[in-house]
Amino acid sequence: MVVKPSGETIDVHFSMSSPAEASEAVGHRTLNLNKVCRALEATSGEGKEASKQLQRHARTTLSGNHQFLVDHPMRPLETQTSWVSFCKNSESFGALDSPIAKVINKVCTQQIHDRS
């Protein structure tokens, strides 16, 4: 899963297989950043820090093209490389700390399922 917080939204790209650019295997949803952050803050552990990081990146001037890998459990290197390839037009691509990535992945997955 790759997330891109920007303004009031968070774009989420997800795949159950190795992602590839323009692949039908990659799903996309735009979620409300405030709802995601409230759900993160309601979780135990790293939720509050995850919320802070998403909000901070949503406000930065580079956020329009800054994406984060939040796969959990961390997938094999070849899958991560696929996400890097998928995000090749991004100005910046990074991975968040594993506990933070895990909680972001969990909350975004839940909100995607709730909208389905």
C-alpha atoms as a PDB file:
ATOM      1  CA  MET A   1       0.000   0.000   0.000  1.00  0.00           C
ATOM      2  CA  VAL A   2       1.176   3.497  -0.864  1.00  0.00           C
ATOM      3  CA  VAL A   3      -0.364   6.637   0.633  1.00  0.00           C
ATOM      4  CA  LYS A   4      -0.109  10.260  -0.449  1.00  0.00           C
ATOM      5  CA  PRO A   5      -1.470  12.815   2.042  1.00  0.00           C
ATOM      6  CA  SER A   6      -2.267  16.196   0.525  1.00  0.00           C
ATOM      7  CA  GLY A   7      -4.495  18.946   1.836  1.00  0.00           C
ATOM      8  CA  GLU A   8      -7.714  17.426   3.208  1.00  0.00           C
ATOM      9  CA  THR A   9      -7.339  14.037   1.526  1.00  0.00           C
ATOM     10  CA  ILE A  10      -5.139  10.985   1.456  1.00  0.00           C
ATOM     11  CA  ASP A  11      -4.783   9.043  -1.787  1.00  0.00           C
ATOM     12  CA  VAL A  12      -4.361   5.319  -1.196  1.00  0.00           C
ATOM     13  CA  HIS A  13      -3.086   2.836  -3.788  1.00  0.00           C
ATOM     14  CA  PHE A  14      -3.288  -0.822  -2.849  1.00  0.00           C
ATOM     15  CA  SER A  15      -2.704  -4.215  -4.413  1.00  0.00           C
ATOM     16  CA  MET A  16      -2.889  -7.831  -3.334  1.00  0.00           C
ATOM     17  CA  SER A  17      -0.160  -8.692  -5.854  1.00  0.00           C
ATOM     18  CA  SER A  18       2.953  -6.997  -7.197  1.00  0.00           C
ATOM     19  CA  PRO A  19       1.890  -3.531  -8.331  1.00  0.00           C
ATOM     20  CA  ALA A  20       2.773  -2.205 -11.752  1.00  0.00           C
ATOM     21  CA  GLU A  21       2.115   1.110 -13.413  1.00  0.00           C
ATOM     22  CA  ALA A  22      -1.333   1.225 -15.053  1.00  0.00           C
ATOM     23  CA  SER A  23      -2.134  -2.221 -13.673  1.00  0.00           C
ATOM     24  CA  GLU A  24      -5.727  -3.238 -13.046  1.00  0.00           C
ATOM     25  CA  ALA A  25      -4.425  -5.057  -9.959  1.00  0.00           C
ATOM     26  CA  VAL A  26      -3.828  -1.705  -8.251  1.00  0.00           C
ATOM     27  CA  GLY A  27      -6.840  -0.173  -6.563  1.00  0.00           C
ATOM     28  CA  HIS A  28      -7.181   3.502  -5.672  1.00  0.00           C
ATOM     29  CA  ARG A  29      -9.329   5.329  -3.144  1.00  0.00           C
ATOM     30  CA  THR A  30      -9.287   8.894  -1.913  1.00  0.00           C
ATOM     31  CA  LEU A  31     -10.038   9.078   1.795  1.00  0.00           C
ATOM     32  CA  ASN A  32     -10.785  12.025   4.059  1.00  0.00           C
ATOM     33  CA  LEU A  33      -7.542  12.835   5.891  1.00  0.00           C
ATOM     34  CA  ASN A  34      -9.348  14.071   9.017  1.00  0.00           C
ATOM     35  CA  LYS A  35     -11.304  10.807   9.315  1.00  0.00           C
ATOM     36  CA  VAL A  36      -8.142   8.757   8.860  1.00  0.00           C
ATOM     37  CA  CYS A  37      -6.315  10.834  11.482  1.00  0.00           C
ATOM     38  CA  ARG A  38      -9.178  10.544  13.987  1.00  0.00           C
ATOM     39  CA  ALA A  39      -9.208   6.772  13.516  1.00  0.00           C
ATOM     40  CA  LEU A  40      -5.422   6.652  13.940  1.00  0.00           C
ATOM     41  CA  GLU A  41      -5.597   8.694  17.144  1.00  0.00           C
ATOM     42  CA  ALA A  42      -8.216   6.296  18.525  1.00  0.00           C
ATOM     43  CA  THR A  43      -5.851   3.333  18.151  1.00  0.00           C
ATOM     44  CA  SER A  44      -3.311   2.301  20.729  1.00  0.00           C
ATOM     45  CA  GLY A  45       0.411   2.439  20.180  1.00  0.00           C
ATOM     46  CA  GLU A  46       1.726   4.466  17.257  1.00  0.00           C
ATOM     47  CA  GLY A  47      -1.595   5.921  16.086  1.00  0.00           C
ATOM     48  CA  LYS A  48      -1.042   9.442  17.406  1.00  0.00           C
ATOM     49  CA  GLU A  49       2.439   9.661  15.895  1.00  0.00           C
ATOM     50  CA  ALA A  50       1.132   8.281  12.596  1.00  0.00           C
ATOM     51  CA  SER A  51      -1.587  10.943  12.567  1.00  0.00           C
ATOM     52  CA  LYS A  52       0.969  13.686  13.234  1.00  0.00           C
ATOM     53  CA  GLN A  53       3.204  12.488  10.409  1.00  0.00           C
ATOM     54  CA  LEU A  54       0.365  12.325   7.887  1.00  0.00           C
ATOM     55  CA  GLN A  55      -0.885  15.787   8.859  1.00  0.00           C
ATOM     56  CA  ARG A  56       2.621  17.246   8.677  1.00  0.00           C
ATOM     57  CA  HIS A  57       3.220  15.791   5.213  1.00  0.00           C
ATOM     58  CA  ALA A  58      -0.216  16.934   4.015  1.00  0.00           C
ATOM     59  CA  ARG A  59       0.724  20.530   4.878  1.00  0.00           C
ATOM     60  CA  THR A  60       4.192  20.597   3.303  1.00  0.00           C
ATOM     61  CA  THR A  61       4.750  22.190  -0.073  1.00  0.00           C
ATOM     62  CA  LEU A  62       6.154  18.937  -1.474  1.00  0.00           C
ATOM     63  CA  SER A  63       3.164  16.872  -0.383  1.00  0.00           C
ATOM     64  CA  GLY A  64       1.548  17.048  -3.799  1.00  0.00           C
ATOM     65  CA  ASN A  65       4.017  14.466  -5.057  1.00  0.00           C
ATOM     66  CA  HIS A  66       5.259  12.788  -1.855  1.00  0.00           C
ATOM     67  CA  GLN A  67       4.177   9.184  -1.370  1.00  0.00           C
ATOM     68  CA  PHE A  68       4.863   6.666   1.379  1.00  0.00           C
ATOM     69  CA  LEU A  69       5.082   2.896   1.332  1.00  0.00           C
ATOM     70  CA  VAL A  70       3.018   1.508   4.223  1.00  0.00           C
ATOM     71  CA  ASP A  71       2.955  -2.193   3.381  1.00  0.00           C
ATOM     72  CA  HIS A  72       2.506  -4.421   6.393  1.00  0.00           C
ATOM     73  CA  PRO A  73       3.709  -6.943   6.829  1.00  0.00           C
ATOM     74  CA  MET A  74       6.606  -5.634   4.811  1.00  0.00           C
ATOM     75  CA  ARG A  75       6.555  -7.425   1.509  1.00  0.00           C
ATOM     76  CA  PRO A  76       9.558  -8.953  -0.246  1.00  0.00           C
ATOM     77  CA  LEU A  77      12.034  -6.560  -1.822  1.00  0.00           C
ATOM     78  CA  GLU A  78      10.757  -7.263  -5.353  1.00  0.00           C
ATOM     79  CA  THR A  79       7.284  -6.021  -4.351  1.00  0.00           C
ATOM     80  CA  GLN A  80       8.714  -2.881  -2.790  1.00  0.00           C
ATOM     81  CA  THR A  81      10.681  -2.325  -5.986  1.00  0.00           C
ATOM     82  CA  SER A  82       7.391  -2.645  -7.867  1.00  0.00           C
ATOM     83  CA  TRP A  83       5.876   0.110  -5.716  1.00  0.00           C
ATOM     84  CA  VAL A  84       8.912   2.294  -6.429  1.00  0.00           C
ATOM     85  CA  SER A  85       8.368   1.663 -10.133  1.00  0.00           C
ATOM     86  CA  PHE A  86       4.626   2.345  -9.735  1.00  0.00           C
ATOM     87  CA  CYS A  87       5.443   5.694  -8.093  1.00  0.00           C
ATOM     88  CA  LYS A  88       8.149   6.677 -10.569  1.00  0.00           C
ATOM     89  CA  ASN A  89       6.507  10.050 -11.315  1.00  0.00           C
ATOM     90  CA  SER A  90       6.582  10.983  -7.653  1.00  0.00           C
ATOM     91  CA  GLU A  91       9.055  13.673  -6.623  1.00  0.00           C
ATOM     92  CA  SER A  92       9.663  11.832  -3.401  1.00  0.00           C
ATOM     93  CA  PHE A  93       8.979   8.293  -2.263  1.00  0.00           C
ATOM     94  CA  GLY A  94       9.746   6.887   1.144  1.00  0.00           C
ATOM     95  CA  ALA A  95       8.814   4.301   3.706  1.00  0.00           C
ATOM     96  CA  LEU A  96       7.555   5.117   7.184  1.00  0.00           C
ATOM     97  CA  ASP A  97       8.774   3.322  10.309  1.00  0.00           C
ATOM     98  CA  SER A  98       7.291  -0.167  10.473  1.00  0.00           C
ATOM     99  CA  PRO A  99       4.972   0.356  13.506  1.00  0.00           C
ATOM    100  CA  ILE A 100       3.660   3.604  12.005  1.00  0.00           C
ATOM    101  CA  ALA A 101       3.265   2.014   8.569  1.00  0.00           C
ATOM    102  CA  LYS A 102       1.394  -0.899  10.139  1.00  0.00           C
ATOM    103  CA  VAL A 103      -1.216   1.285  11.837  1.00  0.00           C
ATOM    104  CA  ILE A 104      -1.692   3.514   8.759  1.00  0.00           C
ATOM    105  CA  ASN A 105      -2.148   0.419   6.605  1.00  0.00           C
ATOM    106  CA  LYS A 106      -4.658  -1.028   9.068  1.00  0.00           C
ATOM    107  CA  VAL A 107      -6.759   2.151   9.339  1.00  0.00           C
ATOM    108  CA  CYS A 108      -6.757   2.852   5.594  1.00  0.00           C
ATOM    109  CA  THR A 109      -7.661  -0.766   4.832  1.00  0.00           C
ATOM    110  CA  GLN A 110     -10.565  -0.584   7.289  1.00  0.00           C
ATOM    111  CA  GLN A 111     -11.854   2.667   5.793  1.00  0.00           C
ATOM    112  CA  ILE A 112     -11.586   1.270   2.268  1.00  0.00           C
ATOM    113  CA  HIS A 113     -13.584  -1.807   3.322  1.00  0.00           C
ATOM    114  CA  ASP A 114     -16.166   0.388   5.073  1.00  0.00           C
ATOM    115  CA  ARG A 115     -16.715   2.343   1.836  1.00  0.00           C
ATOM    116  CA  SER A 116     -17.116  -0.796  -0.302  1.00  0.00           C
END
